[in-house]
């Protein structure tokens, strides 16, 4: 996914855990965060909560990507601050459409 996003002109910083994700944002919030919800649910929730508290209402847009597609789970992530949810597998056209909706310009 990183290469596909870079080919579309996006700058990408990939991280593998909560601590490195937060460290990558030391210089300020990115425009958007793609958060893989495939790992332990508590990690995804921890990132969403950390983003909300760290940037005081100026959190970046967050797209959750995962296999949990039951409405209650998606609603939970959205309540914690996710702006969109894409269920795997998805088409790059779906990601492009989501990014277009969430990113300015």
PDB file of N, CA and C in Angstrom:
ATOM      1  N   UNK A   1       0.826  -1.183   0.000  1.00  0.00           N
ATOM      2  CA  UNK A   1       0.000   0.000   0.000  1.00  0.00           C
ATOM      3  C   UNK A   1       0.874   1.251   0.000  1.00  0.00           C
ATOM      4  N   UNK A   2       2.015   1.193   0.698  1.00  0.00           N
ATOM      5  CA  UNK A   2       2.905   2.353   0.747  1.00  0.00           C
ATOM      6  C   UNK A   2       3.324   2.781  -0.653  1.00  0.00           C
ATOM      7  N   UNK A   3       3.770   1.832  -1.461  1.00  0.00           N
ATOM      8  CA  UNK A   3       4.220   2.169  -2.823  1.00  0.00           C
ATOM      9  C   UNK A   3       3.090   2.735  -3.670  1.00  0.00           C
ATOM     10  N   UNK A   4       1.922   2.170  -3.540  1.00  0.00           N
ATOM     11  CA  UNK A   4       0.783   2.671  -4.317  1.00  0.00           C
ATOM     12  C   UNK A   4       0.445   4.102  -3.926  1.00  0.00           C
ATOM     13  N   UNK A   5       0.480   4.398  -2.647  1.00  0.00           N
ATOM     14  CA  UNK A   5       0.194   5.763  -2.200  1.00  0.00           C
ATOM     15  C   UNK A   5       1.287   6.725  -2.661  1.00  0.00           C
ATOM     16  N   UNK A   6       2.537   6.291  -2.597  1.00  0.00           N
ATOM     17  CA  UNK A   6       3.634   7.145  -3.056  1.00  0.00           C
ATOM     18  C   UNK A   6       3.527   7.410  -4.551  1.00  0.00           C
ATOM     19  N   UNK A   7       3.144   6.409  -5.327  1.00  0.00           N
ATOM     20  CA  UNK A   7       2.959   6.605  -6.772  1.00  0.00           C
ATOM     21  C   UNK A   7       1.856   7.608  -7.064  1.00  0.00           C
ATOM     22  N   UNK A   8       0.936   7.753  -6.157  1.00  0.00           N
ATOM     23  CA  UNK A   8      -0.148   8.719  -6.332  1.00  0.00           C
ATOM     24  C   UNK A   8       0.225  10.102  -5.781  1.00  0.00           C
ATOM     25  N   UNK A   9       1.478  10.252  -5.364  1.00  0.00           N
ATOM     26  CA  UNK A   9       1.972  11.554  -4.945  1.00  0.00           C
ATOM     27  C   UNK A   9       1.865  11.846  -3.462  1.00  0.00           C
ATOM     28  N   UNK A  10       1.511  10.865  -2.660  1.00  0.00           N
ATOM     29  CA  UNK A  10       1.395  11.078  -1.217  1.00  0.00           C
ATOM     30  C   UNK A  10       2.729  10.797  -0.535  1.00  0.00           C
ATOM     31  N   UNK A  11       3.069  11.610   0.443  1.00  0.00           N
ATOM     32  CA  UNK A  11       4.206  11.308   1.302  1.00  0.00           C
ATOM     33  C   UNK A  11       3.744  10.293   2.337  1.00  0.00           C
ATOM     34  N   UNK A  12       4.531   9.261   2.562  1.00  0.00           N
ATOM     35  CA  UNK A  12       4.114   8.171   3.443  1.00  0.00           C
ATOM     36  C   UNK A  12       5.191   7.903   4.486  1.00  0.00           C
ATOM     37  N   UNK A  13       4.780   7.786   5.735  1.00  0.00           N
ATOM     38  CA  UNK A  13       5.640   7.313   6.809  1.00  0.00           C
ATOM     39  C   UNK A  13       4.959   6.098   7.402  1.00  0.00           C
ATOM     40  N   UNK A  14       5.572   4.939   7.229  1.00  0.00           N
ATOM     41  CA  UNK A  14       4.987   3.696   7.741  1.00  0.00           C
ATOM     42  C   UNK A  14       5.612   3.358   9.088  1.00  0.00           C
ATOM     43  N   UNK A  15       4.786   2.970  10.038  1.00  0.00           N
ATOM     44  CA  UNK A  15       5.263   2.561  11.356  1.00  0.00           C
ATOM     45  C   UNK A  15       4.614   1.233  11.718  1.00  0.00           C
ATOM     46  N   UNK A  16       5.155   0.581  12.743  1.00  0.00           N
ATOM     47  CA  UNK A  16       4.658  -0.740  13.079  1.00  0.00           C
ATOM     48  C   UNK A  16       3.992  -0.869  14.428  1.00  0.00           C
ATOM     49  N   UNK A  17       4.033   0.202  15.229  1.00  0.00           N
ATOM     50  CA  UNK A  17       3.409   0.108  16.545  1.00  0.00           C
ATOM     51  C   UNK A  17       3.009   1.497  17.036  1.00  0.00           C
ATOM     52  N   UNK A  18       2.314   1.516  18.161  1.00  0.00           N
ATOM     53  CA  UNK A  18       1.776   2.770  18.701  1.00  0.00           C
ATOM     54  C   UNK A  18       2.892   3.769  18.983  1.00  0.00           C
ATOM     55  N   UNK A  19       3.952   3.337  19.650  1.00  0.00           N
ATOM     56  CA  UNK A  19       5.021   4.262  20.030  1.00  0.00           C
ATOM     57  C   UNK A  19       5.700   4.888  18.819  1.00  0.00           C
ATOM     58  N   UNK A  20       6.016   4.076  17.809  1.00  0.00           N
ATOM     59  CA  UNK A  20       6.678   4.647  16.631  1.00  0.00           C
ATOM     60  C   UNK A  20       5.721   5.512  15.820  1.00  0.00           C
ATOM     61  N   UNK A  21       4.434   5.187  15.836  1.00  0.00           N
ATOM     62  CA  UNK A  21       3.453   6.036  15.148  1.00  0.00           C
ATOM     63  C   UNK A  21       3.394   7.412  15.805  1.00  0.00           C
ATOM     64  N   UNK A  22       3.366   7.435  17.122  1.00  0.00           N
ATOM     65  CA  UNK A  22       3.293   8.718  17.818  1.00  0.00           C
ATOM     66  C   UNK A  22       4.606   9.493  17.670  1.00  0.00           C
ATOM     67  N   UNK A  23       5.737   8.793  17.697  1.00  0.00           N
ATOM     68  CA  UNK A  23       7.031   9.459  17.520  1.00  0.00           C
ATOM     69  C   UNK A  23       7.141  10.077  16.131  1.00  0.00           C
ATOM     70  N   UNK A  24       6.556   9.433  15.139  1.00  0.00           N
ATOM     71  CA  UNK A  24       6.596   9.959  13.772  1.00  0.00           C
ATOM     72  C   UNK A  24       5.838  11.275  13.656  1.00  0.00           C
ATOM     73  N   UNK A  25       4.970  11.548  14.619  1.00  0.00           N
ATOM     74  CA  UNK A  25       4.174  12.774  14.581  1.00  0.00           C
ATOM     75  C   UNK A  25       4.707  13.848  15.520  1.00  0.00           C
ATOM     76  N   UNK A  26       5.953  13.701  15.976  1.00  0.00           N
ATOM     77  CA  UNK A  26       6.526  14.695  16.879  1.00  0.00           C
ATOM     78  C   UNK A  26       6.587  16.078  16.255  1.00  0.00           C
ATOM     79  N   UNK A  27       6.754  16.154  14.946  1.00  0.00           N
ATOM     80  CA  UNK A  27       6.831  17.442  14.273  1.00  0.00           C
ATOM     81  C   UNK A  27       5.477  18.068  13.989  1.00  0.00           C
ATOM     82  N   UNK A  28       4.419  17.383  14.328  1.00  0.00           N
ATOM     83  CA  UNK A  28       3.066  17.875  14.074  1.00  0.00           C
ATOM     84  C   UNK A  28       2.228  16.795  13.423  1.00  0.00           C
ATOM     85  N   UNK A  29       0.942  17.029  13.370  1.00  0.00           N
ATOM     86  CA  UNK A  29       0.055  15.998  12.823  1.00  0.00           C
ATOM     87  C   UNK A  29       0.168  15.888  11.303  1.00  0.00           C
ATOM     88  N   UNK A  30       0.079  14.680  10.791  1.00  0.00           N
ATOM     89  CA  UNK A  30       0.026  14.508   9.338  1.00  0.00           C
ATOM     90  C   UNK A  30      -1.358  14.897   8.834  1.00  0.00           C
ATOM     91  N   UNK A  31      -1.518  14.929   7.539  1.00  0.00           N
ATOM     92  CA  UNK A  31      -2.834  15.221   6.975  1.00  0.00           C
ATOM     93  C   UNK A  31      -3.812  14.089   7.243  1.00  0.00           C
ATOM     94  N   UNK A  32      -3.296  12.861   7.188  1.00  0.00           N
ATOM     95  CA  UNK A  32      -4.177  11.703   7.345  1.00  0.00           C
ATOM     96  C   UNK A  32      -3.382  10.531   7.915  1.00  0.00           C
ATOM     97  N   UNK A  33      -4.069   9.686   8.659  1.00  0.00           N
ATOM     98  CA  UNK A  33      -3.473   8.472   9.217  1.00  0.00           C
ATOM     99  C   UNK A  33      -4.277   7.287   8.711  1.00  0.00           C
ATOM    100  N   UNK A  34      -3.580   6.318   8.118  1.00  0.00           N
ATOM    101  CA  UNK A  34      -4.203   5.037   7.775  1.00  0.00           C
ATOM    102  C   UNK A  34      -3.823   4.088   8.893  1.00  0.00           C
ATOM    103  N   UNK A  35      -4.801   3.651   9.635  1.00  0.00           N
ATOM    104  CA  UNK A  35      -4.558   2.846  10.827  1.00  0.00           C
ATOM    105  C   UNK A  35      -5.063   1.435  10.599  1.00  0.00           C
ATOM    106  N   UNK A  36      -4.144   0.484  10.659  1.00  0.00           N
ATOM    107  CA  UNK A  36      -4.505  -0.917  10.445  1.00  0.00           C
ATOM    108  C   UNK A  36      -5.158  -1.462  11.702  1.00  0.00           C
ATOM    109  N   UNK A  37      -6.412  -1.819  11.584  1.00  0.00           N
ATOM    110  CA  UNK A  37      -7.151  -2.369  12.708  1.00  0.00           C
ATOM    111  C   UNK A  37      -7.029  -3.870  12.821  1.00  0.00           C
ATOM    112  N   UNK A  38      -6.134  -4.470  12.044  1.00  0.00           N
ATOM    113  CA  UNK A  38      -5.999  -5.924  12.036  1.00  0.00           C
ATOM    114  C   UNK A  38      -5.340  -6.452  13.300  1.00  0.00           C
ATOM    115  N   UNK A  39      -4.491  -5.662  13.924  1.00  0.00           N
ATOM    116  CA  UNK A  39      -3.817  -6.110  15.139  1.00  0.00           C
ATOM    117  C   UNK A  39      -4.774  -6.096  16.315  1.00  0.00           C
ATOM    118  N   UNK A  40      -4.206  -6.164  17.508  1.00  0.00           N
ATOM    119  CA  UNK A  40      -5.067  -6.128  18.690  1.00  0.00           C
ATOM    120  C   UNK A  40      -5.916  -4.857  18.722  1.00  0.00           C
ATOM    121  N   UNK A  41      -7.182  -5.021  19.032  1.00  0.00           N
ATOM    122  CA  UNK A  41      -8.108  -3.886  19.039  1.00  0.00           C
ATOM    123  C   UNK A  41      -7.632  -2.789  19.977  1.00  0.00           C
ATOM    124  N   UNK A  42      -7.022  -3.171  21.094  1.00  0.00           N
ATOM    125  CA  UNK A  42      -6.583  -2.168  22.068  1.00  0.00           C
ATOM    126  C   UNK A  42      -5.527  -1.241  21.481  1.00  0.00           C
ATOM    127  N   UNK A  43      -4.686  -1.749  20.544  1.00  0.00           N
ATOM    128  CA  UNK A  43      -3.676  -0.890  19.934  1.00  0.00           C
ATOM    129  C   UNK A  43      -4.317   0.168  19.052  1.00  0.00           C
ATOM    130  N   UNK A  44      -5.277  -0.223  18.244  1.00  0.00           N
ATOM    131  CA  UNK A  44      -5.972   0.743  17.388  1.00  0.00           C
ATOM    132  C   UNK A  44      -6.686   1.775  18.248  1.00  0.00           C
ATOM    133  N   UNK A  45      -7.341   1.321  19.299  1.00  0.00           N
ATOM    134  CA  UNK A  45      -8.039   2.245  20.198  1.00  0.00           C
ATOM    135  C   UNK A  45      -7.047   3.179  20.879  1.00  0.00           C
ATOM    136  N   UNK A  46      -5.873   2.656  21.263  1.00  0.00           N
ATOM    137  CA  UNK A  46      -4.854   3.482  21.911  1.00  0.00           C
ATOM    138  C   UNK A  46      -4.361   4.577  20.977  1.00  0.00           C
ATOM    139  N   UNK A  47      -4.158   4.256  19.707  1.00  0.00           N
ATOM    140  CA  UNK A  47      -3.715   5.269  18.745  1.00  0.00           C
ATOM    141  C   UNK A  47      -4.791   6.333  18.569  1.00  0.00           C
ATOM    142  N   UNK A  48      -6.040   5.919  18.408  1.00  0.00           N
ATOM    143  CA  UNK A  48      -7.129   6.886  18.236  1.00  0.00           C
ATOM    144  C   UNK A  48      -7.235   7.810  19.444  1.00  0.00           C
ATOM    145  N   UNK A  49      -7.155   7.252  20.641  1.00  0.00           N
ATOM    146  CA  UNK A  49      -7.240   8.070  21.854  1.00  0.00           C
ATOM    147  C   UNK A  49      -6.031   8.989  21.986  1.00  0.00           C
ATOM    148  N   UNK A  50      -4.840   8.489  21.656  1.00  0.00           N
ATOM    149  CA  UNK A  50      -3.632   9.308  21.737  1.00  0.00           C
ATOM    150  C   UNK A  50      -3.677  10.464  20.744  1.00  0.00           C
ATOM    151  N   UNK A  51      -4.169  10.210  19.545  1.00  0.00           N
ATOM    152  CA  UNK A  51      -4.287  11.283  18.551  1.00  0.00           C
ATOM    153  C   UNK A  51      -5.219  12.373  19.042  1.00  0.00           C
ATOM    154  N   UNK A  52      -6.342  11.964  19.584  1.00  0.00           N
ATOM    155  CA  UNK A  52      -7.336  12.930  20.054  1.00  0.00           C
ATOM    156  C   UNK A  52      -6.767  13.786  21.184  1.00  0.00           C
ATOM    157  N   UNK A  53      -6.088  13.168  22.140  1.00  0.00           N
ATOM    158  CA  UNK A  53      -5.578  13.934  23.275  1.00  0.00           C
ATOM    159  C   UNK A  53      -4.325  14.736  22.914  1.00  0.00           C
ATOM    160  N   UNK A  54      -3.508  14.208  22.039  1.00  0.00           N
ATOM    161  CA  UNK A  54      -2.244  14.866  21.715  1.00  0.00           C
ATOM    162  C   UNK A  54      -2.420  16.148  20.914  1.00  0.00           C
ATOM    163  N   UNK A  55      -3.357  16.152  20.006  1.00  0.00           N
ATOM    164  CA  UNK A  55      -3.481  17.293  19.110  1.00  0.00           C
ATOM    165  C   UNK A  55      -4.656  18.204  19.446  1.00  0.00           C
ATOM    166  N   UNK A  56      -5.244  18.044  20.610  1.00  0.00           N
ATOM    167  CA  UNK A  56      -6.273  18.957  21.131  1.00  0.00           C
ATOM    168  C   UNK A  56      -7.299  19.397  20.099  1.00  0.00           C
ATOM    169  N   UNK A  57      -7.974  18.448  19.518  1.00  0.00           N
ATOM    170  CA  UNK A  57      -9.025  18.781  18.570  1.00  0.00           C
ATOM    171  C   UNK A  57      -8.533  19.051  17.161  1.00  0.00           C
ATOM    172  N   UNK A  58      -7.228  19.066  16.961  1.00  0.00           N
ATOM    173  CA  UNK A  58      -6.658  19.272  15.628  1.00  0.00           C
ATOM    174  C   UNK A  58      -6.099  17.956  15.088  1.00  0.00           C
ATOM    175  N   UNK A  59      -6.714  16.859  15.471  1.00  0.00           N
ATOM    176  CA  UNK A  59      -6.250  15.535  15.062  1.00  0.00           C
ATOM    177  C   UNK A  59      -6.311  15.389  13.550  1.00  0.00           C
ATOM    178  N   UNK A  60      -5.380  14.614  13.005  1.00  0.00           N
ATOM    179  CA  UNK A  60      -5.457  14.330  11.571  1.00  0.00           C
ATOM    180  C   UNK A  60      -6.663  13.458  11.273  1.00  0.00           C
ATOM    181  N   UNK A  61      -7.070  13.449  10.030  1.00  0.00           N
ATOM    182  CA  UNK A  61      -8.123  12.528   9.602  1.00  0.00           C
ATOM    183  C   UNK A  61      -7.579  11.108   9.736  1.00  0.00           C
ATOM    184  N   UNK A  62      -8.444  10.186  10.140  1.00  0.00           N
ATOM    185  CA  UNK A  62      -8.024   8.799  10.351  1.00  0.00           C
ATOM    186  C   UNK A  62      -8.913   7.863   9.546  1.00  0.00           C
ATOM    187  N   UNK A  63      -8.263   7.014   8.752  1.00  0.00           N
ATOM    188  CA  UNK A  63      -8.964   5.959   8.023  1.00  0.00           C
ATOM    189  C   UNK A  63      -8.543   4.630   8.644  1.00  0.00           C
ATOM    190  N   UNK A  64      -9.485   3.938   9.228  1.00  0.00           N
ATOM    191  CA  UNK A  64      -9.232   2.596   9.755  1.00  0.00           C
ATOM    192  C   UNK A  64      -9.302   1.621   8.593  1.00  0.00           C
ATOM    193  N   UNK A  65      -8.372   0.681   8.575  1.00  0.00           N
ATOM    194  CA  UNK A  65      -8.347  -0.356   7.551  1.00  0.00           C
ATOM    195  C   UNK A  65      -8.298  -1.687   8.286  1.00  0.00           C
ATOM    196  N   UNK A  66      -9.263  -2.556   8.033  1.00  0.00           N
ATOM    197  CA  UNK A  66      -9.243  -3.828   8.742  1.00  0.00           C
ATOM    198  C   UNK A  66     -10.297  -4.796   8.278  1.00  0.00           C
ATOM    199  N   UNK A  67     -10.355  -5.895   8.982  1.00  0.00           N
ATOM    200  CA  UNK A  67     -11.306  -6.953   8.635  1.00  0.00           C
ATOM    201  C   UNK A  67     -12.555  -6.909   9.494  1.00  0.00           C
ATOM    202  N   UNK A  68     -12.578  -6.054  10.489  1.00  0.00           N
ATOM    203  CA  UNK A  68     -13.752  -5.944  11.353  1.00  0.00           C
ATOM    204  C   UNK A  68     -14.778  -5.056  10.663  1.00  0.00           C
ATOM    205  N   UNK A  69     -15.791  -5.662  10.139  1.00  0.00           N
ATOM    206  CA  UNK A  69     -16.754  -4.858   9.379  1.00  0.00           C
ATOM    207  C   UNK A  69     -18.149  -4.895   9.981  1.00  0.00           C
ATOM    208  N   UNK A  70     -18.266  -5.447  11.182  1.00  0.00           N
ATOM    209  CA  UNK A  70     -19.575  -5.418  11.828  1.00  0.00           C
ATOM    210  C   UNK A  70     -19.890  -3.985  12.237  1.00  0.00           C
ATOM    211  N   UNK A  71     -21.128  -3.569  12.031  1.00  0.00           N
ATOM    212  CA  UNK A  71     -21.490  -2.173  12.295  1.00  0.00           C
ATOM    213  C   UNK A  71     -21.104  -1.677  13.688  1.00  0.00           C
ATOM    214  N   UNK A  72     -21.270  -2.488  14.723  1.00  0.00           N
ATOM    215  CA  UNK A  72     -20.937  -2.029  16.079  1.00  0.00           C
ATOM    216  C   UNK A  72     -19.447  -1.737  16.226  1.00  0.00           C
ATOM    217  N   UNK A  73     -18.608  -2.553  15.605  1.00  0.00           N
ATOM    218  CA  UNK A  73     -17.165  -2.323  15.689  1.00  0.00           C
ATOM    219  C   UNK A  73     -16.764  -1.068  14.924  1.00  0.00           C
ATOM    220  N   UNK A  74     -17.338  -0.891  13.749  1.00  0.00           N
ATOM    221  CA  UNK A  74     -17.049   0.305  12.959  1.00  0.00           C
ATOM    222  C   UNK A  74     -17.523   1.550  13.710  1.00  0.00           C
ATOM    223  N   UNK A  75     -18.703   1.494  14.302  1.00  0.00           N
ATOM    224  CA  UNK A  75     -19.224   2.622  15.084  1.00  0.00           C
ATOM    225  C   UNK A  75     -18.304   2.949  16.255  1.00  0.00           C
ATOM    226  N   UNK A  76     -17.753   1.919  16.898  1.00  0.00           N
ATOM    227  CA  UNK A  76     -16.845   2.137  18.028  1.00  0.00           C
ATOM    228  C   UNK A  76     -15.620   2.922  17.578  1.00  0.00           C
ATOM    229  N   UNK A  77     -15.009   2.504  16.460  1.00  0.00           N
ATOM    230  CA  UNK A  77     -13.833   3.212  15.962  1.00  0.00           C
ATOM    231  C   UNK A  77     -14.180   4.650  15.580  1.00  0.00           C
ATOM    232  N   UNK A  78     -15.315   4.842  14.967  1.00  0.00           N
ATOM    233  CA  UNK A  78     -15.727   6.199  14.587  1.00  0.00           C
ATOM    234  C   UNK A  78     -15.974   7.055  15.825  1.00  0.00           C
ATOM    235  N   UNK A  79     -16.544   6.472  16.866  1.00  0.00           N
ATOM    236  CA  UNK A  79     -16.770   7.215  18.111  1.00  0.00           C
ATOM    237  C   UNK A  79     -15.449   7.611  18.764  1.00  0.00           C
ATOM    238  N   UNK A  80     -14.404   6.817  18.547  1.00  0.00           N
ATOM    239  CA  UNK A  80     -13.088   7.122  19.108  1.00  0.00           C
ATOM    240  C   UNK A  80     -12.292   8.091  18.241  1.00  0.00           C
ATOM    241  N   UNK A  81     -12.804   8.434  17.065  1.00  0.00           N
ATOM    242  CA  UNK A  81     -12.132   9.433  16.247  1.00  0.00           C
ATOM    243  C   UNK A  81     -11.806   9.041  14.826  1.00  0.00           C
ATOM    244  N   UNK A  82     -12.110   7.817  14.420  1.00  0.00           N
ATOM    245  CA  UNK A  82     -11.873   7.443  13.021  1.00  0.00           C
ATOM    246  C   UNK A  82     -12.877   8.169  12.132  1.00  0.00           C
ATOM    247  N   UNK A  83     -12.416   8.645  10.998  1.00  0.00           N
ATOM    248  CA  UNK A  83     -13.283   9.371  10.067  1.00  0.00           C
ATOM    249  C   UNK A  83     -13.870   8.470   8.996  1.00  0.00           C
ATOM    250  N   UNK A  84     -13.239   7.319   8.786  1.00  0.00           N
ATOM    251  CA  UNK A  84     -13.725   6.374   7.774  1.00  0.00           C
ATOM    252  C   UNK A  84     -13.194   4.993   8.115  1.00  0.00           C
ATOM    253  N   UNK A  85     -13.842   3.985   7.546  1.00  0.00           N
ATOM    254  CA  UNK A  85     -13.420   2.599   7.756  1.00  0.00           C
ATOM    255  C   UNK A  85     -13.484   1.871   6.422  1.00  0.00           C
ATOM    256  N   UNK A  86     -12.388   1.236   6.048  1.00  0.00           N
ATOM    257  CA  UNK A  86     -12.347   0.423   4.834  1.00  0.00           C
ATOM    258  C   UNK A  86     -12.127  -1.028   5.236  1.00  0.00           C
ATOM    259  N   UNK A  87     -13.005  -1.897   4.772  1.00  0.00           N
ATOM    260  CA  UNK A  87     -12.875  -3.326   5.067  1.00  0.00           C
ATOM    261  C   UNK A  87     -11.970  -3.995   4.044  1.00  0.00           C
ATOM    262  N   UNK A  88     -11.035  -4.799   4.543  1.00  0.00           N
ATOM    263  CA  UNK A  88     -10.163  -5.580   3.667  1.00  0.00           C
ATOM    264  C   UNK A  88     -10.933  -6.776   3.142  1.00  0.00           C
ATOM    265  N   UNK A  89     -10.681  -7.182   1.935  1.00  0.00           N
ATOM    266  CA  UNK A  89      -9.876  -6.486   0.930  1.00  0.00           C
ATOM    267  C   UNK A  89     -10.674  -5.339   0.324  1.00  0.00           C
ATOM    268  N   UNK A  90      -9.968  -4.314  -0.101  1.00  0.00           N
ATOM    269  CA  UNK A  90     -10.625  -3.189  -0.757  1.00  0.00           C
ATOM    270  C   UNK A  90      -9.848  -2.833  -2.013  1.00  0.00           C
ATOM    271  N   UNK A  91     -10.489  -2.126  -2.889  1.00  0.00           N
ATOM    272  CA  UNK A  91      -9.849  -1.667  -4.123  1.00  0.00           C
ATOM    273  C   UNK A  91      -9.148  -0.339  -3.864  1.00  0.00           C
ATOM    274  N   UNK A  92      -8.063  -0.094  -4.562  1.00  0.00           N
ATOM    275  CA  UNK A  92      -7.392   1.201  -4.422  1.00  0.00           C
ATOM    276  C   UNK A  92      -8.335   2.335  -4.797  1.00  0.00           C
ATOM    277  N   UNK A  93      -9.272   2.076  -5.689  1.00  0.00           N
ATOM    278  CA  UNK A  93     -10.259   3.103  -6.041  1.00  0.00           C
ATOM    279  C   UNK A  93     -11.082   3.497  -4.816  1.00  0.00           C
ATOM    280  N   UNK A  94     -11.357   2.535  -3.935  1.00  0.00           N
ATOM    281  CA  UNK A  94     -12.087   2.845  -2.700  1.00  0.00           C
ATOM    282  C   UNK A  94     -11.248   3.736  -1.790  1.00  0.00           C
ATOM    283  N   UNK A  95      -9.956   3.421  -1.682  1.00  0.00           N
ATOM    284  CA  UNK A  95      -9.068   4.247  -0.867  1.00  0.00           C
ATOM    285  C   UNK A  95      -8.925   5.632  -1.483  1.00  0.00           C
ATOM    286  N   UNK A  96      -8.757   5.704  -2.799  1.00  0.00           N
ATOM    287  CA  UNK A  96      -8.665   7.001  -3.479  1.00  0.00           C
ATOM    288  C   UNK A  96      -9.900   7.850  -3.208  1.00  0.00           C
ATOM    289  N   UNK A  97     -11.077   7.247  -3.293  1.00  0.00           N
ATOM    290  CA  UNK A  97     -12.323   7.983  -3.056  1.00  0.00           C
ATOM    291  C   UNK A  97     -12.393   8.472  -1.616  1.00  0.00           C
ATOM    292  N   UNK A  98     -11.978   7.637  -0.675  1.00  0.00           N
ATOM    293  CA  UNK A  98     -11.998   8.023   0.737  1.00  0.00           C
ATOM    294  C   UNK A  98     -11.028   9.167   0.992  1.00  0.00           C
ATOM    295  N   UNK A  99      -9.821   9.069   0.449  1.00  0.00           N
ATOM    296  CA  UNK A  99      -8.840  10.141   0.622  1.00  0.00           C
ATOM    297  C   UNK A  99      -9.331  11.441   0.001  1.00  0.00           C
ATOM    298  N   UNK A 100      -9.961  11.355  -1.148  1.00  0.00           N
ATOM    299  CA  UNK A 100     -10.497  12.555  -1.807  1.00  0.00           C
ATOM    300  C   UNK A 100     -11.565  13.226  -0.956  1.00  0.00           C
ATOM    301  N   UNK A 101     -12.362  12.432  -0.275  1.00  0.00           N
ATOM    302  CA  UNK A 101     -13.408  12.991   0.587  1.00  0.00           C
ATOM    303  C   UNK A 101     -12.824  13.655   1.828  1.00  0.00           C
ATOM    304  N   UNK A 102     -11.744  13.092   2.359  1.00  0.00           N
ATOM    305  CA  UNK A 102     -11.216  13.563   3.638  1.00  0.00           C
ATOM    306  C   UNK A 102     -10.138  14.630   3.532  1.00  0.00           C
ATOM    307  N   UNK A 103      -9.398  14.636   2.431  1.00  0.00           N
ATOM    308  CA  UNK A 103      -8.301  15.592   2.291  1.00  0.00           C
ATOM    309  C   UNK A 103      -8.749  16.832   1.531  1.00  0.00           C
ATOM    310  N   UNK A 104      -8.322  17.995   1.992  1.00  0.00           N
ATOM    311  CA  UNK A 104      -8.694  19.225   1.287  1.00  0.00           C
ATOM    312  C   UNK A 104      -8.004  19.318  -0.068  1.00  0.00           C
ATOM    313  N   UNK A 105      -8.626  20.068  -0.948  1.00  0.00           N
ATOM    314  CA  UNK A 105      -8.036  20.370  -2.240  1.00  0.00           C
ATOM    315  C   UNK A 105      -8.185  19.290  -3.202  1.00  0.00           C
TER     316      UNK A 105
END
